[in-house]
């Protein structure tokens, strides 16, 4: 993705994989989303409501922590490079 920005004439200032979806894309009540801060909270929800999605998310979490490129969300902050001007 960073090379695509570069080819489009932009400069990537910062690029990182976000953990937002790693902890929040689960099957639970809306009020429980506010209490998810760690893997422990994810485990608590998976035990409380053991749906297929929750169990898979719980099992996948350690993998995405070890390999950030497996995460679902890539954040890139970029600025557009100055366009060149042609003098005639």
N, C-alpha and C. Protein backbone atom coordinates (compact mmCIF):
# COMPACT_ATOMS: atom_id res chain seq x y z
N UNK A 1 0.83 -1.19 0.00
CA UNK A 1 0.00 0.00 0.00
C UNK A 1 0.87 1.26 0.00
N UNK A 2 1.96 1.23 0.75
CA UNK A 2 2.84 2.40 0.80
C UNK A 2 3.41 2.69 -0.58
N UNK A 3 3.77 1.64 -1.32
CA UNK A 3 4.32 1.87 -2.66
C UNK A 3 3.25 2.43 -3.61
N UNK A 4 2.00 2.05 -3.41
CA UNK A 4 0.93 2.61 -4.23
C UNK A 4 0.78 4.11 -3.98
N UNK A 5 0.88 4.52 -2.71
CA UNK A 5 0.82 5.94 -2.39
C UNK A 5 2.00 6.68 -3.04
N UNK A 6 3.17 6.08 -2.97
CA UNK A 6 4.36 6.69 -3.54
C UNK A 6 4.20 6.85 -5.05
N UNK A 7 3.68 5.82 -5.72
CA UNK A 7 3.47 5.89 -7.17
C UNK A 7 2.42 6.93 -7.54
N UNK A 8 1.49 7.20 -6.64
CA UNK A 8 0.44 8.19 -6.90
C UNK A 8 0.91 9.61 -6.59
N UNK A 9 2.18 9.75 -6.19
CA UNK A 9 2.72 11.08 -5.94
C UNK A 9 2.55 11.55 -4.51
N UNK A 10 2.33 10.64 -3.59
CA UNK A 10 2.20 11.00 -2.18
C UNK A 10 3.35 10.41 -1.39
N UNK A 11 3.59 10.99 -0.23
CA UNK A 11 4.65 10.50 0.65
C UNK A 11 4.01 9.98 1.93
N UNK A 12 4.24 8.71 2.22
CA UNK A 12 3.70 8.12 3.45
C UNK A 12 4.52 8.60 4.64
N UNK A 13 3.85 9.24 5.58
CA UNK A 13 4.51 9.72 6.78
C UNK A 13 4.55 8.62 7.84
N UNK A 14 3.45 7.89 7.92
CA UNK A 14 3.35 6.83 8.91
C UNK A 14 2.44 5.73 8.37
N UNK A 15 2.82 4.48 8.59
CA UNK A 15 2.00 3.35 8.18
C UNK A 15 2.08 2.29 9.27
N UNK A 16 0.92 1.81 9.71
CA UNK A 16 0.91 0.79 10.76
C UNK A 16 -0.38 -0.02 10.68
N UNK A 17 -0.33 -1.21 11.25
CA UNK A 17 -1.50 -2.07 11.32
C UNK A 17 -2.24 -1.76 12.61
N UNK A 18 -3.52 -1.48 12.50
CA UNK A 18 -4.32 -1.12 13.67
C UNK A 18 -4.88 -2.37 14.35
N UNK A 19 -5.01 -2.30 15.66
CA UNK A 19 -5.59 -3.40 16.42
C UNK A 19 -7.09 -3.21 16.64
N UNK A 20 -7.67 -2.18 16.05
CA UNK A 20 -9.07 -1.87 16.27
C UNK A 20 -9.96 -3.08 16.02
N UNK A 21 -9.90 -3.68 14.84
CA UNK A 21 -10.78 -4.80 14.52
C UNK A 21 -10.39 -6.09 15.22
N UNK A 22 -9.16 -6.20 15.68
CA UNK A 22 -8.72 -7.42 16.35
C UNK A 22 -9.50 -7.66 17.65
N UNK A 23 -9.93 -6.62 18.29
CA UNK A 23 -10.66 -6.75 19.55
C UNK A 23 -12.14 -6.43 19.45
N UNK A 24 -12.57 -5.85 18.35
CA UNK A 24 -13.96 -5.38 18.33
C UNK A 24 -14.89 -6.10 17.35
N UNK A 25 -14.36 -6.81 16.40
CA UNK A 25 -15.22 -7.48 15.43
C UNK A 25 -15.64 -8.84 16.00
N UNK A 26 -16.57 -8.81 16.93
CA UNK A 26 -17.03 -10.02 17.62
C UNK A 26 -18.54 -9.98 17.76
N UNK A 27 -19.09 -11.09 18.21
CA UNK A 27 -20.54 -11.23 18.38
C UNK A 27 -20.88 -11.02 19.85
N UNK A 28 -21.32 -9.83 20.18
CA UNK A 28 -21.68 -9.52 21.57
C UNK A 28 -22.67 -8.36 21.60
N UNK A 29 -23.13 -8.06 22.77
CA UNK A 29 -24.06 -6.93 22.97
C UNK A 29 -23.31 -5.61 22.83
N UNK A 30 -23.96 -4.57 22.33
CA UNK A 30 -23.29 -3.27 22.16
C UNK A 30 -22.63 -2.74 23.44
N UNK A 31 -23.26 -2.95 24.58
CA UNK A 31 -22.67 -2.43 25.83
C UNK A 31 -21.34 -3.12 26.17
N UNK A 32 -21.18 -4.38 25.72
CA UNK A 32 -19.94 -5.11 25.99
C UNK A 32 -18.76 -4.59 25.18
N UNK A 33 -19.04 -3.97 24.02
CA UNK A 33 -17.97 -3.42 23.22
C UNK A 33 -17.19 -2.35 23.99
N UNK A 34 -17.86 -1.62 24.82
CA UNK A 34 -17.20 -0.56 25.58
C UNK A 34 -16.22 -1.09 26.61
N UNK A 35 -16.36 -2.35 26.97
CA UNK A 35 -15.49 -2.94 28.00
C UNK A 35 -14.35 -3.78 27.43
N UNK A 36 -14.21 -3.82 26.12
CA UNK A 36 -13.13 -4.62 25.51
C UNK A 36 -11.86 -3.78 25.42
N UNK A 37 -10.90 -4.14 26.24
CA UNK A 37 -9.63 -3.42 26.25
C UNK A 37 -8.45 -4.35 26.03
N UNK A 38 -8.66 -5.66 26.18
CA UNK A 38 -7.52 -6.57 26.09
C UNK A 38 -7.99 -7.97 25.67
N UNK A 39 -7.02 -8.85 25.51
CA UNK A 39 -7.29 -10.24 25.17
C UNK A 39 -8.11 -10.91 26.27
N UNK A 40 -7.88 -10.52 27.49
CA UNK A 40 -8.64 -11.06 28.63
C UNK A 40 -10.13 -10.78 28.46
N UNK A 41 -10.47 -9.56 28.05
CA UNK A 41 -11.87 -9.19 27.83
C UNK A 41 -12.47 -9.99 26.67
N UNK A 42 -11.67 -10.21 25.64
CA UNK A 42 -12.12 -11.00 24.50
C UNK A 42 -12.41 -12.44 24.94
N UNK A 43 -11.55 -12.98 25.79
CA UNK A 43 -11.77 -14.33 26.33
C UNK A 43 -13.02 -14.41 27.18
N UNK A 44 -13.25 -13.39 27.97
CA UNK A 44 -14.45 -13.35 28.82
C UNK A 44 -15.72 -13.39 27.96
N UNK A 45 -15.73 -12.63 26.90
CA UNK A 45 -16.90 -12.59 26.01
C UNK A 45 -17.07 -13.91 25.28
N UNK A 46 -15.96 -14.52 24.83
CA UNK A 46 -16.04 -15.80 24.13
C UNK A 46 -16.57 -16.90 25.05
N UNK A 47 -16.23 -16.84 26.33
CA UNK A 47 -16.76 -17.83 27.28
C UNK A 47 -18.24 -17.57 27.58
N UNK A 48 -18.60 -16.30 27.63
CA UNK A 48 -19.98 -15.92 27.93
C UNK A 48 -20.90 -16.24 26.74
N UNK A 49 -20.41 -16.02 25.53
CA UNK A 49 -21.19 -16.25 24.32
C UNK A 49 -20.30 -16.96 23.30
N UNK A 50 -20.20 -18.30 23.39
CA UNK A 50 -19.25 -19.04 22.54
C UNK A 50 -19.74 -19.28 21.11
N UNK A 51 -19.91 -18.22 20.36
CA UNK A 51 -20.30 -18.36 18.96
C UNK A 51 -19.06 -18.68 18.13
N UNK A 52 -19.27 -19.11 16.91
CA UNK A 52 -18.17 -19.45 16.02
C UNK A 52 -17.24 -18.25 15.81
N UNK A 53 -17.82 -17.09 15.59
CA UNK A 53 -17.04 -15.87 15.38
C UNK A 53 -16.18 -15.54 16.60
N UNK A 54 -16.77 -15.62 17.79
CA UNK A 54 -16.04 -15.28 19.01
C UNK A 54 -14.88 -16.24 19.26
N UNK A 55 -15.10 -17.52 19.05
CA UNK A 55 -14.04 -18.52 19.27
C UNK A 55 -12.92 -18.32 18.25
N UNK A 56 -13.28 -18.12 16.98
CA UNK A 56 -12.26 -17.90 15.96
C UNK A 56 -11.47 -16.63 16.22
N UNK A 57 -12.14 -15.59 16.64
CA UNK A 57 -11.46 -14.32 16.95
C UNK A 57 -10.50 -14.50 18.13
N UNK A 58 -10.94 -15.25 19.12
CA UNK A 58 -10.10 -15.52 20.29
C UNK A 58 -8.86 -16.32 19.89
N UNK A 59 -9.03 -17.32 19.04
CA UNK A 59 -7.89 -18.13 18.59
C UNK A 59 -6.95 -17.36 17.66
N UNK A 60 -7.51 -16.47 16.86
CA UNK A 60 -6.70 -15.72 15.89
C UNK A 60 -5.93 -14.57 16.53
N UNK A 61 -6.40 -14.07 17.64
CA UNK A 61 -5.79 -12.87 18.24
C UNK A 61 -4.29 -13.03 18.50
N UNK A 62 -3.83 -14.13 19.11
CA UNK A 62 -2.38 -14.27 19.31
C UNK A 62 -1.59 -14.27 18.00
N UNK A 63 -2.17 -14.84 16.95
CA UNK A 63 -1.49 -14.85 15.65
C UNK A 63 -1.32 -13.45 15.08
N UNK A 64 -2.36 -12.65 15.15
CA UNK A 64 -2.27 -11.30 14.59
C UNK A 64 -1.38 -10.40 15.44
N UNK A 65 -1.21 -10.73 16.70
CA UNK A 65 -0.28 -9.97 17.53
C UNK A 65 1.17 -10.30 17.13
N UNK A 66 1.41 -11.57 16.79
CA UNK A 66 2.75 -11.97 16.37
C UNK A 66 3.08 -11.54 14.94
N UNK A 67 2.08 -11.56 14.06
CA UNK A 67 2.25 -11.18 12.66
C UNK A 67 1.31 -10.04 12.33
N UNK A 68 1.71 -8.80 12.55
CA UNK A 68 0.82 -7.67 12.30
C UNK A 68 0.25 -7.63 10.88
N UNK A 69 0.93 -8.18 9.92
CA UNK A 69 0.43 -8.14 8.54
C UNK A 69 -0.84 -8.97 8.37
N UNK A 70 -1.20 -9.78 9.35
CA UNK A 70 -2.45 -10.54 9.30
C UNK A 70 -3.65 -9.72 9.79
N UNK A 71 -3.38 -8.54 10.31
CA UNK A 71 -4.47 -7.71 10.82
C UNK A 71 -5.34 -7.19 9.68
N UNK A 72 -6.55 -6.80 10.03
CA UNK A 72 -7.54 -6.40 9.03
C UNK A 72 -7.42 -4.94 8.60
N UNK A 73 -6.79 -4.12 9.39
CA UNK A 73 -6.83 -2.69 9.14
C UNK A 73 -5.44 -2.09 9.07
N UNK A 74 -5.10 -1.51 7.92
CA UNK A 74 -3.84 -0.83 7.72
C UNK A 74 -4.12 0.67 7.68
N UNK A 75 -3.41 1.41 8.49
CA UNK A 75 -3.57 2.86 8.54
C UNK A 75 -2.35 3.50 7.88
N UNK A 76 -2.58 4.40 6.94
CA UNK A 76 -1.49 5.12 6.29
C UNK A 76 -1.81 6.60 6.36
N UNK A 77 -0.87 7.36 6.89
CA UNK A 77 -0.98 8.81 6.91
C UNK A 77 0.00 9.31 5.86
N UNK A 78 -0.51 10.05 4.89
CA UNK A 78 0.33 10.49 3.77
C UNK A 78 0.03 11.94 3.41
N UNK A 79 0.99 12.57 2.77
CA UNK A 79 0.80 13.92 2.25
C UNK A 79 1.06 13.88 0.75
N UNK A 80 0.33 14.70 0.05
CA UNK A 80 0.52 14.76 -1.40
C UNK A 80 1.79 15.55 -1.69
N UNK A 81 2.64 14.97 -2.53
CA UNK A 81 3.86 15.65 -2.92
C UNK A 81 3.51 16.85 -3.80
N UNK A 82 4.36 17.83 -3.76
CA UNK A 82 4.13 19.02 -4.57
C UNK A 82 4.23 18.67 -6.04
N UNK A 83 3.29 19.18 -6.82
CA UNK A 83 3.32 18.93 -8.26
C UNK A 83 4.40 19.79 -8.90
N UNK A 84 5.08 19.20 -9.84
CA UNK A 84 6.14 19.96 -10.51
C UNK A 84 5.53 20.98 -11.47
N UNK A 85 6.19 22.08 -11.61
CA UNK A 85 5.73 23.10 -12.55
C UNK A 85 6.67 23.15 -13.75
N UNK A 86 6.12 23.39 -14.90
CA UNK A 86 6.92 23.44 -16.13
C UNK A 86 7.05 24.90 -16.55
N UNK A 87 8.28 25.35 -16.70
CA UNK A 87 8.51 26.74 -17.16
C UNK A 87 8.67 26.72 -18.66
N UNK A 88 8.03 27.67 -19.30
CA UNK A 88 8.14 27.76 -20.76
C UNK A 88 8.79 29.03 -21.15
